[in-house]
C-alpha atoms as a PDB file:
ATOM      1  CA  MET A   1     -88.515-173.288  54.647  1.00  0.00           C
ATOM      2  CA  ALA A   2     -91.315-175.071  52.856  1.00  0.00           C
ATOM      3  CA  GLY A   3     -93.468-177.351  54.972  1.00  0.00           C
ATOM      4  CA  LYS A   4     -92.623-180.636  53.243  1.00  0.00           C
ATOM      5  CA  GLU A   5     -88.879-179.980  53.190  1.00  0.00           C
ATOM      6  CA  TYR A   6     -88.959-178.892  56.848  1.00  0.00           C
ATOM      7  CA  LYS A   7     -90.786-182.094  57.826  1.00  0.00           C
ATOM      8  CA  ILE A   8     -88.429-184.382  55.884  1.00  0.00           C
ATOM      9  CA  ILE A   9     -85.280-182.832  57.359  1.00  0.00           C
ATOM     10  CA  PHE A  10     -86.761-182.791  60.864  1.00  0.00           C
ATOM     11  CA  GLU A  11     -87.691-186.485  60.673  1.00  0.00           C
ATOM     12  CA  PHE A  12     -84.311-187.441  59.253  1.00  0.00           C
ATOM     13  CA  LEU A  13     -82.403-185.538  61.944  1.00  0.00           C
ATOM     14  CA  SER A  14     -84.532-186.765  64.832  1.00  0.00           C
ATOM     15  CA  LEU A  15     -85.201-190.381  63.749  1.00  0.00           C
ATOM     16  CA  LYS A  16     -82.379-190.943  61.203  1.00  0.00           C
ATOM     17  CA  VAL A  17     -84.998-192.493  58.926  1.00  0.00           C
ATOM     18  CA  LEU A  18     -86.075-191.304  55.492  1.00  0.00           C
ATOM     19  CA  LEU A  19     -89.643-191.546  54.264  1.00  0.00           C
ATOM     20  CA  GLU A  20     -90.636-194.425  52.034  1.00  0.00           C
ATOM     21  CA  GLY A  21     -91.227-193.750  48.350  1.00  0.00           C
ATOM     22  CA  ILE A  22     -88.252-191.429  47.931  1.00  0.00           C
ATOM     23  CA  SER A  23     -85.706-192.196  45.222  1.00  0.00           C
ATOM     24  CA  GLU A  24     -82.058-192.867  46.056  1.00  0.00           C
ATOM     25  CA  ASN A  25     -81.045-189.562  44.479  1.00  0.00           C
ATOM     26  CA  GLN A  26     -83.501-187.641  46.679  1.00  0.00           C
ATOM     27  CA  LYS A  27     -82.254-189.535  49.755  1.00  0.00           C
ATOM     28  CA  ARG A  28     -78.677-188.550  48.912  1.00  0.00           C
ATOM     29  CA  VAL A  29     -79.699-184.894  48.577  1.00  0.00           C
ATOM     30  CA  ILE A  30     -81.521-184.971  51.930  1.00  0.00           C
ATOM     31  CA  ARG A  31     -78.552-186.584  53.696  1.00  0.00           C
ATOM     32  CA  ARG A  32     -76.175-183.971  52.263  1.00  0.00           C
ATOM     33  CA  LYS A  33     -78.514-181.086  53.125  1.00  0.00           C
ATOM     34  CA  SER A  34     -79.090-182.310  56.665  1.00  0.00           C
ATOM     35  CA  ASN A  35     -75.369-181.925  57.475  1.00  0.00           C
ATOM     36  CA  SER A  36     -76.006-178.178  57.717  1.00  0.00           C
ATOM     37  CA  PHE A  37     -78.823-178.566  60.255  1.00  0.00           C
ATOM     38  CA  CYS A  38     -79.224-179.762  63.845  1.00  0.00           C
ATOM     39  CA  ILE A  39     -82.098-180.129  66.299  1.00  0.00           C
ATOM     40  CA  GLN A  40     -82.255-178.336  69.643  1.00  0.00           C
ATOM     41  CA  ASN A  41     -85.328-177.910  71.833  1.00  0.00           C
ATOM     42  CA  ASN A  42     -87.433-179.672  69.204  1.00  0.00           C
ATOM     43  CA  GLU A  43     -86.540-176.978  66.606  1.00  0.00           C
ATOM     44  CA  ILE A  44     -84.299-177.116  63.544  1.00  0.00           C
ATOM     45  CA  TYR A  45     -81.226-174.875  63.526  1.00  0.00           C
ATOM     46  CA  PHE A  46     -78.990-174.030  60.564  1.00  0.00           C
ATOM     47  CA  LYS A  47     -75.267-174.336  61.303  1.00  0.00           C
ATOM     48  CA  SER A  48     -72.785-172.002  59.646  1.00  0.00           C
ATOM     49  CA  PHE A  49     -69.188-171.109  60.372  1.00  0.00           C
ATOM     50  CA  ASP A  50     -68.478-167.486  61.280  1.00  0.00           C
ATOM     51  CA  LYS A  51     -64.995-166.532  60.064  1.00  0.00           C
ATOM     52  CA  LYS A  52     -64.727-163.477  62.307  1.00  0.00           C
ATOM     53  CA  SER A  53     -65.356-165.269  65.588  1.00  0.00           C
ATOM     54  CA  ASN A  54     -64.086-168.713  64.426  1.00  0.00           C
ATOM     55  CA  GLU A  55     -67.082-170.511  65.839  1.00  0.00           C
ATOM     56  CA  VAL A  56     -70.168-172.292  64.572  1.00  0.00           C
ATOM     57  CA  MET A  57     -73.239-170.080  64.533  1.00  0.00           C
ATOM     58  CA  LYS A  58     -76.702-171.599  64.874  1.00  0.00           C
ATOM     59  CA  ARG A  59     -79.719-169.815  63.440  1.00  0.00           C
ATOM     60  CA  LEU A  60     -83.304-170.933  63.907  1.00  0.00           C
ATOM     61  CA  VAL A  61     -84.899-172.294  60.726  1.00  0.00           C
ATOM     62  CA  ILE A  62     -88.142-170.461  60.038  1.00  0.00           C
ATOM     63  CA  HIS A  63     -91.130-172.312  58.660  1.00  0.00           C
ATOM     64  CA  GLU A  64     -92.700-170.392  55.781  1.00  0.00           C
ATOM     65  CA  ASP A  65     -95.900-169.891  57.817  1.00  0.00           C
ATOM     66  CA  LYS A  66     -94.008-167.872  60.445  1.00  0.00           C
ATOM     67  CA  LEU A  67     -91.700-165.928  58.143  1.00  0.00           C
ATOM     68  CA  GLU A  68     -93.787-162.761  57.789  1.00  0.00           C
ATOM     69  CA  ARG A  69     -94.314-162.514  61.550  1.00  0.00           C
ATOM     70  CA  VAL A  70     -90.572-162.921  62.212  1.00  0.00           C
ATOM     71  CA  MET A  71     -89.718-160.183  59.689  1.00  0.00           C
ATOM     72  CA  TYR A  72     -92.283-157.881  61.281  1.00  0.00           C
ATOM     73  CA  LEU A  73     -90.885-158.484  64.791  1.00  0.00           C
ATOM     74  CA  CYS A  74     -87.278-157.988  63.657  1.00  0.00           C
ATOM     75  CA  ARG A  75     -88.208-154.719  62.000  1.00  0.00           C
ATOM     76  CA  ILE A  76     -89.920-153.416  65.140  1.00  0.00           C
ATOM     77  CA  GLU A  77     -87.007-154.588  67.317  1.00  0.00           C
ATOM     78  CA  SER A  78     -84.502-152.734  65.125  1.00  0.00           C
ATOM     79  CA  GLY A  79     -86.402-149.484  65.337  1.00  0.00           C
ATOM     80  CA  GLY A  80     -88.641-149.491  62.325  1.00  0.00           C
ATOM     81  CA  HIS A  81     -88.402-148.979  58.619  1.00  0.00           C
ATOM     82  CA  LEU A  82     -84.686-149.203  57.916  1.00  0.00           C
ATOM     83  CA  GLY A  83     -84.710-150.567  54.376  1.00  0.00           C
ATOM     84  CA  ILE A  84     -83.898-153.867  52.737  1.00  0.00           C
ATOM     85  CA  ASN A  85     -80.215-154.326  53.633  1.00  0.00           C
ATOM     86  CA  LYS A  86     -80.556-153.600  57.342  1.00  0.00           C
ATOM     87  CA  THR A  87     -83.710-155.698  57.644  1.00  0.00           C
ATOM     88  CA  VAL A  88     -82.037-158.640  55.871  1.00  0.00           C
ATOM     89  CA  ALA A  89     -79.022-158.333  58.177  1.00  0.00           C
ATOM     90  CA  LYS A  90     -81.248-158.245  61.255  1.00  0.00           C
ATOM     91  CA  VAL A  91     -83.341-161.268  60.220  1.00  0.00           C
ATOM     92  CA  ALA A  92     -80.356-163.280  58.946  1.00  0.00           C
ATOM     93  CA  SER A  93     -78.401-162.734  62.162  1.00  0.00           C
ATOM     94  CA  LYS A  94     -80.856-164.879  64.139  1.00  0.00           C
ATOM     95  CA  TYR A  95     -82.926-166.845  61.634  1.00  0.00           C
ATOM     96  CA  TYR A  96     -82.480-168.943  58.511  1.00  0.00           C
ATOM     97  CA  PHE A  97     -84.762-169.155  55.518  1.00  0.00           C
ATOM     98  CA  PRO A  98     -83.721-170.007  51.937  1.00  0.00           C
ATOM     99  CA  ALA A  99     -83.920-166.960  49.642  1.00  0.00           C
ATOM    100  CA  ILE A 100     -84.342-164.623  52.608  1.00  0.00           C
ATOM    101  CA  ASN A 101     -83.275-161.592  50.517  1.00  0.00           C
ATOM    102  CA  ASP A 102     -86.165-162.072  48.103  1.00  0.00           C
ATOM    103  CA  GLU A 103     -88.652-162.548  50.928  1.00  0.00           C
ATOM    104  CA  VAL A 104     -87.530-159.386  52.743  1.00  0.00           C
ATOM    105  CA  LYS A 105     -87.676-157.364  49.493  1.00  0.00           C
ATOM    106  CA  SER A 106     -91.218-158.598  48.927  1.00  0.00           C
ATOM    107  CA  PHE A 107     -92.185-157.803  52.523  1.00  0.00           C
ATOM    108  CA  ILE A 108     -90.767-154.276  52.397  1.00  0.00           C
ATOM    109  CA  SER A 109     -92.301-153.542  48.992  1.00  0.00           C
ATOM    110  CA  LYS A 110     -95.734-154.101  50.576  1.00  0.00           C
ATOM    111  CA  CYS A 111     -95.057-151.683  53.452  1.00  0.00           C
ATOM    112  CA  GLY A 112     -96.386-148.191  52.725  1.00  0.00           C
ATOM    113  CA  GLU A 113     -94.287-146.529  55.429  1.00  0.00           C
ATOM    114  CA  CYS A 114     -91.070-148.040  54.027  1.00  0.00           C
ATOM    115  CA  GLN A 115     -91.986-146.794  50.569  1.00  0.00           C
ATOM    116  CA  LYS A 116     -92.404-143.242  51.909  1.00  0.00           C
ATOM    117  CA  GLN A 117     -89.223-143.160  53.990  1.00  0.00           C
ATOM    118  CA  ASN A 118     -86.801-145.025  51.772  1.00  0.00           C
ATOM    119  CA  LYS A 119     -87.137-143.201  48.499  1.00  0.00           C
ATOM    120  CA  THR A 120     -84.023-143.523  46.429  1.00  0.00           C
ATOM    121  CA  LYS A 121     -82.281-140.226  46.021  1.00  0.00           C
ATOM    122  CA  THR A 122     -80.679-139.592  42.665  1.00  0.00           C
ATOM    123  CA  LEU A 123     -77.341-137.938  43.093  1.00  0.00           C
ATOM    124  CA  VAL A 124     -76.237-135.813  40.168  1.00  0.00           C
ATOM    125  CA  GLN A 125     -72.516-135.408  39.921  1.00  0.00           C
ATOM    126  CA  GLU A 126     -71.062-131.957  39.584  1.00  0.00           C
ATOM    127  CA  LEU A 127     -69.768-131.105  36.125  1.00  0.00           C
ATOM    128  CA  GLN A 128     -66.001-131.258  35.772  1.00  0.00           C
ATOM    129  CA  PRO A 129     -63.969-129.268  33.258  1.00  0.00           C
ATOM    130  CA  VAL A 130     -62.480-131.319  30.443  1.00  0.00           C
ATOM    131  CA  PRO A 131     -59.055-130.322  29.148  1.00  0.00           C
ATOM    132  CA  CYS A 132     -59.185-129.602  25.432  1.00  0.00           C
ATOM    133  CA  GLY A 133     -55.479-129.300  24.590  1.00  0.00           C
ATOM    134  CA  ASN A 134     -54.017-126.788  22.129  1.00  0.00           C
ATOM    135  CA  ARG A 135     -57.021-126.021  19.956  1.00  0.00           C
ATOM    136  CA  ASP A 136     -57.907-122.658  18.559  1.00  0.00           C
ATOM    137  CA  LEU A 137     -61.547-123.444  17.867  1.00  0.00           C
ATOM    138  CA  ILE A 138     -63.971-125.297  20.112  1.00  0.00           C
ATOM    139  CA  GLY A 139     -67.403-126.234  18.805  1.00  0.00           C
ATOM    140  CA  GLN A 140     -70.490-127.952  20.096  1.00  0.00           C
ATOM    141  CA  ASP A 141     -73.070-129.952  18.231  1.00  0.00           C
ATOM    142  CA  LEU A 142     -76.320-128.191  19.038  1.00  0.00           C
ATOM    143  CA  PHE A 143     -78.458-130.903  17.478  1.00  0.00           C
ATOM    144  CA  CYS A 144     -77.667-133.259  20.338  1.00  0.00           C
ATOM    145  CA  MET A 145     -79.605-131.103  22.754  1.00  0.00           C
ATOM    146  CA  PRO A 146     -83.332-131.929  22.569  1.00  0.00           C
ATOM    147  CA  LYS A 147     -84.598-128.411  23.410  1.00  0.00           C
ATOM    148  CA  LEU A 148     -82.421-126.675  20.825  1.00  0.00           C
ATOM    149  CA  LYS A 149     -83.087-129.273  18.151  1.00  0.00           C
ATOM    150  CA  SER A 150     -86.798-128.480  18.117  1.00  0.00           C
ATOM    151  CA  GLN A 151     -86.094-124.741  17.746  1.00  0.00           C
ATOM    152  CA  PHE A 152     -83.910-125.226  14.668  1.00  0.00           C
ATOM    153  CA  LEU A 153     -86.382-127.527  12.935  1.00  0.00           C
ATOM    154  CA  LEU A 154     -89.162-124.917  12.928  1.00  0.00           C
END
């Protein structure tokens, strides 16, 4: 979370006071946003409801200065270079940061080892026969094939 936003929400949750010089619309937005957060041990936690366990989950809100370090530690804890989806799941299970998917993608795109290990493999489907019905003559347009087209033009 950005430094200014983190500070404003922290002060509102701890002191129940909003900074001076903020418009009424901004105050309303901060009050609404702060319903999703709480303070424990002098840290901000994001509250979300887990439908599977039917309980409120609390995830530590990460300040943008610490985000890269947290992603690095989560990746090492999970066993290394597992790709974007597994890294996002690992980080999001314990921590909260807006647009965490984009941040993890950016982090992994900078990692040389991840780029080597997680190459996308193109799967080519096997050709399937196509029923042609009751036809006596079957033809094929040879000019659609790039290699053959150049041979006929010469």
